[in-house]
Amino acid sequence: MSTERLLRVEDAAAQLCVSRWTIYRWVEEGRLHATKLGRGSLRIFTESVQQLVAHNRVCPQPALVKPARIAPAIHADALFAFDHEDLVAEAETSARVGT
């Protein structure tokens, strides 16, 4: 993220991929810390944005991931026999329908 201490609302929204209105709501809820400059220019503390991202980070847990199941090997002769039987059955069906 940026090394600036303060962010404009639009910049914070772009960094977090949310709307301006979400930034305003999060400031009201206390999820982001901000300050007002002048007559109402709201600025968001960069550290606040970084803390929000860090707090909501989701890290995968390798212990919970099941290993992929490996299919059993099929012998080439069995595969050929299966295909051959299907072809014979199909040919017999076609011969009956044709006559």
N, C-alpha and C. Protein backbone atom coordinates (compact mmCIF):
# COMPACT_ATOMS: atom_id res chain seq x y z
N MET A 1 0.83 -1.18 0.00
CA MET A 1 0.00 0.00 0.00
C MET A 1 0.88 1.24 0.00
N SER A 2 0.26 2.36 -0.10
CA SER A 2 0.98 3.62 -0.16
C SER A 2 1.67 3.91 1.16
N THR A 3 2.77 4.68 1.09
CA THR A 3 3.50 5.04 2.30
C THR A 3 2.98 6.35 2.88
N GLU A 4 1.98 6.96 2.25
CA GLU A 4 1.41 8.20 2.78
C GLU A 4 0.69 7.91 4.10
N ARG A 5 0.68 8.89 4.95
CA ARG A 5 0.02 8.73 6.24
C ARG A 5 -1.49 8.85 6.13
N LEU A 6 -1.98 9.71 5.25
CA LEU A 6 -3.42 9.93 5.09
C LEU A 6 -3.84 9.62 3.65
N LEU A 7 -5.04 9.06 3.52
CA LEU A 7 -5.59 8.74 2.20
C LEU A 7 -6.91 9.47 2.01
N ARG A 8 -7.17 9.86 0.79
CA ARG A 8 -8.50 10.38 0.45
C ARG A 8 -9.48 9.22 0.49
N VAL A 9 -10.73 9.52 0.68
CA VAL A 9 -11.77 8.48 0.75
C VAL A 9 -11.75 7.64 -0.52
N GLU A 10 -11.64 8.30 -1.68
CA GLU A 10 -11.64 7.59 -2.96
C GLU A 10 -10.44 6.64 -3.08
N ASP A 11 -9.28 7.08 -2.57
CA ASP A 11 -8.09 6.24 -2.63
C ASP A 11 -8.21 5.02 -1.71
N ALA A 12 -8.74 5.24 -0.53
CA ALA A 12 -8.95 4.11 0.40
C ALA A 12 -9.95 3.13 -0.19
N ALA A 13 -11.01 3.66 -0.81
CA ALA A 13 -12.02 2.80 -1.43
C ALA A 13 -11.41 1.98 -2.56
N ALA A 14 -10.55 2.61 -3.36
CA ALA A 14 -9.91 1.89 -4.46
C ALA A 14 -8.98 0.79 -3.93
N GLN A 15 -8.24 1.07 -2.88
CA GLN A 15 -7.33 0.07 -2.31
C GLN A 15 -8.08 -1.12 -1.74
N LEU A 16 -9.26 -0.86 -1.18
CA LEU A 16 -10.03 -1.94 -0.55
C LEU A 16 -11.09 -2.52 -1.48
N CYS A 17 -11.19 -1.98 -2.70
CA CYS A 17 -12.17 -2.46 -3.69
C CYS A 17 -13.60 -2.36 -3.17
N VAL A 18 -13.93 -1.23 -2.56
CA VAL A 18 -15.27 -0.97 -2.06
C VAL A 18 -15.69 0.43 -2.52
N SER A 19 -16.93 0.80 -2.25
CA SER A 19 -17.41 2.12 -2.64
C SER A 19 -17.02 3.17 -1.60
N ARG A 20 -17.14 4.44 -1.99
CA ARG A 20 -16.89 5.55 -1.06
C ARG A 20 -17.82 5.44 0.14
N TRP A 21 -19.06 5.06 -0.13
CA TRP A 21 -20.06 4.99 0.93
C TRP A 21 -19.72 3.91 1.95
N THR A 22 -19.10 2.85 1.50
CA THR A 22 -18.64 1.80 2.44
C THR A 22 -17.55 2.35 3.34
N ILE A 23 -16.65 3.16 2.78
CA ILE A 23 -15.59 3.78 3.59
C ILE A 23 -16.21 4.67 4.66
N TYR A 24 -17.17 5.51 4.27
CA TYR A 24 -17.84 6.38 5.25
C TYR A 24 -18.52 5.54 6.34
N ARG A 25 -19.18 4.46 5.95
CA ARG A 25 -19.87 3.61 6.92
C ARG A 25 -18.87 2.94 7.86
N TRP A 26 -17.75 2.46 7.32
CA TRP A 26 -16.74 1.81 8.15
C TRP A 26 -16.10 2.79 9.13
N VAL A 27 -15.98 4.05 8.72
CA VAL A 27 -15.46 5.06 9.64
C VAL A 27 -16.46 5.26 10.78
N GLU A 28 -17.74 5.36 10.45
CA GLU A 28 -18.78 5.52 11.49
C GLU A 28 -18.82 4.32 12.42
N GLU A 29 -18.63 3.13 11.88
CA GLU A 29 -18.66 1.90 12.69
C GLU A 29 -17.38 1.70 13.50
N GLY A 30 -16.32 2.46 13.16
CA GLY A 30 -15.06 2.32 13.87
C GLY A 30 -14.12 1.30 13.26
N ARG A 31 -14.48 0.73 12.11
CA ARG A 31 -13.60 -0.24 11.46
C ARG A 31 -12.39 0.43 10.82
N LEU A 32 -12.55 1.71 10.42
CA LEU A 32 -11.45 2.51 9.89
C LEU A 32 -11.32 3.77 10.73
N HIS A 33 -10.11 4.24 10.87
CA HIS A 33 -9.87 5.48 11.61
C HIS A 33 -9.57 6.59 10.63
N ALA A 34 -10.17 7.76 10.89
CA ALA A 34 -10.04 8.89 9.96
C ALA A 34 -10.00 10.19 10.73
N THR A 35 -9.74 11.26 10.00
CA THR A 35 -9.75 12.60 10.57
C THR A 35 -10.34 13.55 9.55
N LYS A 36 -10.89 14.65 10.03
CA LYS A 36 -11.43 15.67 9.13
C LYS A 36 -10.44 16.80 9.00
N LEU A 37 -10.28 17.29 7.79
CA LEU A 37 -9.43 18.43 7.51
C LEU A 37 -10.32 19.56 7.01
N GLY A 38 -10.14 20.72 7.57
CA GLY A 38 -10.94 21.86 7.11
C GLY A 38 -12.41 21.70 7.39
N ARG A 39 -13.24 22.02 6.38
CA ARG A 39 -14.69 22.01 6.57
C ARG A 39 -15.35 20.67 6.25
N GLY A 40 -14.60 19.62 6.32
CA GLY A 40 -15.26 18.33 6.10
C GLY A 40 -14.52 17.38 5.19
N SER A 41 -13.31 17.70 4.79
CA SER A 41 -12.52 16.76 3.97
C SER A 41 -12.06 15.61 4.86
N LEU A 42 -12.61 14.45 4.64
CA LEU A 42 -12.28 13.29 5.45
C LEU A 42 -11.05 12.61 4.88
N ARG A 43 -10.12 12.24 5.73
CA ARG A 43 -8.92 11.51 5.34
C ARG A 43 -8.82 10.26 6.20
N ILE A 44 -8.41 9.18 5.57
CA ILE A 44 -8.32 7.88 6.22
C ILE A 44 -6.85 7.62 6.54
N PHE A 45 -6.57 7.15 7.76
CA PHE A 45 -5.21 6.81 8.13
C PHE A 45 -4.78 5.53 7.41
N THR A 46 -3.63 5.59 6.76
CA THR A 46 -3.11 4.44 6.02
C THR A 46 -2.95 3.23 6.92
N GLU A 47 -2.47 3.46 8.13
CA GLU A 47 -2.28 2.35 9.07
C GLU A 47 -3.61 1.65 9.36
N SER A 48 -4.69 2.40 9.38
CA SER A 48 -6.01 1.85 9.64
C SER A 48 -6.43 0.90 8.51
N VAL A 49 -6.15 1.31 7.28
CA VAL A 49 -6.47 0.47 6.13
C VAL A 49 -5.64 -0.81 6.19
N GLN A 50 -4.35 -0.69 6.50
CA GLN A 50 -3.48 -1.85 6.59
C GLN A 50 -3.93 -2.80 7.71
N GLN A 51 -4.35 -2.25 8.83
CA GLN A 51 -4.83 -3.08 9.94
C GLN A 51 -6.11 -3.81 9.57
N LEU A 52 -7.00 -3.13 8.84
CA LEU A 52 -8.26 -3.76 8.43
C LEU A 52 -7.98 -4.96 7.52
N VAL A 53 -7.06 -4.77 6.58
CA VAL A 53 -6.69 -5.86 5.67
C VAL A 53 -6.06 -7.01 6.45
N ALA A 54 -5.13 -6.70 7.34
CA ALA A 54 -4.47 -7.74 8.12
C ALA A 54 -5.44 -8.49 9.02
N HIS A 55 -6.39 -7.76 9.61
CA HIS A 55 -7.36 -8.38 10.51
C HIS A 55 -8.31 -9.33 9.78
N ASN A 56 -8.61 -9.03 8.53
CA ASN A 56 -9.57 -9.84 7.77
C ASN A 56 -8.91 -10.82 6.81
N ARG A 57 -7.60 -10.95 6.91
CA ARG A 57 -6.88 -11.86 6.01
C ARG A 57 -7.29 -13.30 6.31
N VAL A 58 -7.47 -14.07 5.26
CA VAL A 58 -7.82 -15.49 5.39
C VAL A 58 -6.64 -16.29 4.90
N CYS A 59 -6.08 -17.10 5.79
CA CYS A 59 -4.94 -17.93 5.44
C CYS A 59 -5.40 -19.38 5.36
N PRO A 60 -5.05 -20.07 4.27
CA PRO A 60 -5.44 -21.49 4.18
C PRO A 60 -4.70 -22.32 5.22
N GLN A 61 -5.37 -23.31 5.72
CA GLN A 61 -4.77 -24.20 6.72
C GLN A 61 -4.45 -25.53 6.04
N PRO A 62 -3.18 -25.80 5.78
CA PRO A 62 -2.82 -27.01 5.04
C PRO A 62 -3.30 -28.29 5.70
N ALA A 63 -3.42 -28.32 7.03
CA ALA A 63 -3.83 -29.55 7.71
C ALA A 63 -5.27 -29.92 7.36
N LEU A 64 -6.09 -28.96 6.97
CA LEU A 64 -7.49 -29.24 6.66
C LEU A 64 -7.72 -29.62 5.21
N VAL A 65 -6.72 -29.47 4.36
CA VAL A 65 -6.85 -29.78 2.95
C VAL A 65 -6.63 -31.27 2.75
N LYS A 66 -7.61 -31.94 2.15
CA LYS A 66 -7.49 -33.37 1.92
C LYS A 66 -6.67 -33.61 0.65
N PRO A 67 -5.85 -34.65 0.64
CA PRO A 67 -5.07 -34.95 -0.56
C PRO A 67 -5.99 -35.41 -1.68
N ALA A 68 -5.58 -35.15 -2.89
CA ALA A 68 -6.38 -35.56 -4.05
C ALA A 68 -6.40 -37.07 -4.14
N ARG A 69 -7.55 -37.60 -4.53
CA ARG A 69 -7.69 -39.04 -4.68
C ARG A 69 -7.20 -39.43 -6.06
N ILE A 70 -6.36 -40.43 -6.11
CA ILE A 70 -5.80 -40.88 -7.38
C ILE A 70 -6.63 -42.06 -7.87
N ALA A 71 -7.06 -41.96 -9.13
CA ALA A 71 -7.87 -43.03 -9.72
C ALA A 71 -7.00 -44.27 -9.93
N PRO A 72 -7.58 -45.47 -9.78
CA PRO A 72 -6.80 -46.68 -10.00
C PRO A 72 -6.42 -46.81 -11.48
N ALA A 73 -5.28 -47.44 -11.71
CA ALA A 73 -4.83 -47.63 -13.08
C ALA A 73 -5.70 -48.67 -13.79
N ILE A 74 -5.95 -48.46 -15.07
CA ILE A 74 -6.74 -49.41 -15.87
C ILE A 74 -5.80 -50.06 -16.87
N HIS A 75 -5.83 -51.36 -16.91
CA HIS A 75 -4.96 -52.09 -17.83
C HIS A 75 -5.46 -51.88 -19.26
N ALA A 76 -4.55 -51.72 -20.19
CA ALA A 76 -4.91 -51.43 -21.58
C ALA A 76 -5.75 -52.54 -22.19
N ASP A 77 -5.49 -53.83 -21.84
CA ASP A 77 -6.27 -54.94 -22.40
C ASP A 77 -7.73 -54.86 -21.96
N ALA A 78 -7.97 -54.49 -20.70
CA ALA A 78 -9.33 -54.37 -20.20
C ALA A 78 -10.06 -53.23 -20.92
N LEU A 79 -9.36 -52.17 -21.18
CA LEU A 79 -9.95 -51.04 -21.88
C LEU A 79 -10.32 -51.43 -23.30
N PHE A 80 -9.43 -52.17 -23.97
CA PHE A 80 -9.69 -52.62 -25.33
C PHE A 80 -10.86 -53.57 -25.37
N ALA A 81 -10.92 -54.50 -24.41
CA ALA A 81 -12.01 -55.47 -24.37
C ALA A 81 -13.34 -54.76 -24.18
N PHE A 82 -13.36 -53.77 -23.33
CA PHE A 82 -14.59 -53.02 -23.11
C PHE A 82 -15.03 -52.32 -24.39
N ASP A 83 -14.08 -51.66 -25.05
CA ASP A 83 -14.41 -50.96 -26.29
C ASP A 83 -14.83 -51.94 -27.37
N HIS A 84 -14.16 -53.08 -27.44
CA HIS A 84 -14.46 -54.07 -28.46
C HIS A 84 -15.86 -54.63 -28.25
N GLU A 85 -16.23 -54.94 -27.01
CA GLU A 85 -17.57 -55.47 -26.73
C GLU A 85 -18.64 -54.46 -27.10
N ASP A 86 -18.41 -53.20 -26.83
CA ASP A 86 -19.37 -52.16 -27.20
C ASP A 86 -19.54 -52.08 -28.70
N LEU A 87 -18.44 -52.18 -29.42
CA LEU A 87 -18.51 -52.12 -30.88
C LEU A 87 -19.27 -53.32 -31.45
N VAL A 88 -19.04 -54.48 -30.90
CA VAL A 88 -19.72 -55.69 -31.36
C VAL A 88 -21.22 -55.55 -31.09
N ALA A 89 -21.58 -55.11 -29.88
CA ALA A 89 -23.00 -54.96 -29.54
C ALA A 89 -23.66 -53.92 -30.44
N GLU A 90 -22.96 -52.83 -30.72
CA GLU A 90 -23.52 -51.80 -31.58
C GLU A 90 -23.70 -52.32 -33.01
N ALA A 91 -22.74 -53.10 -33.49
CA ALA A 91 -22.83 -53.65 -34.84
C ALA A 91 -24.00 -54.63 -34.94
N GLU A 92 -24.18 -55.45 -33.91
CA GLU A 92 -25.29 -56.41 -33.92
C GLU A 92 -26.63 -55.68 -33.91
N THR A 93 -26.73 -54.62 -33.13
CA THR A 93 -27.97 -53.84 -33.06
C THR A 93 -28.24 -53.19 -34.40
N SER A 94 -27.22 -52.65 -35.05
CA SER A 94 -27.37 -52.00 -36.35
C SER A 94 -27.79 -53.01 -37.39
N ALA A 95 -27.23 -54.22 -37.32
CA ALA A 95 -27.57 -55.26 -38.31
C ALA A 95 -29.04 -55.66 -38.17
N ARG A 96 -29.54 -55.76 -36.93
CA ARG A 96 -30.94 -56.13 -36.71
C ARG A 96 -31.87 -55.05 -37.22
N VAL A 97 -31.54 -53.81 -36.96
CA VAL A 97 -32.40 -52.71 -37.37
C VAL A 97 -32.40 -52.56 -38.88
N GLY A 98 -31.26 -52.84 -39.51
CA GLY A 98 -31.13 -52.69 -40.96
C GLY A 98 -31.91 -53.75 -41.73
N THR A 99 -32.20 -54.92 -41.15
CA THR A 99 -32.88 -56.00 -41.86
C THR A 99 -34.35 -56.03 -41.61
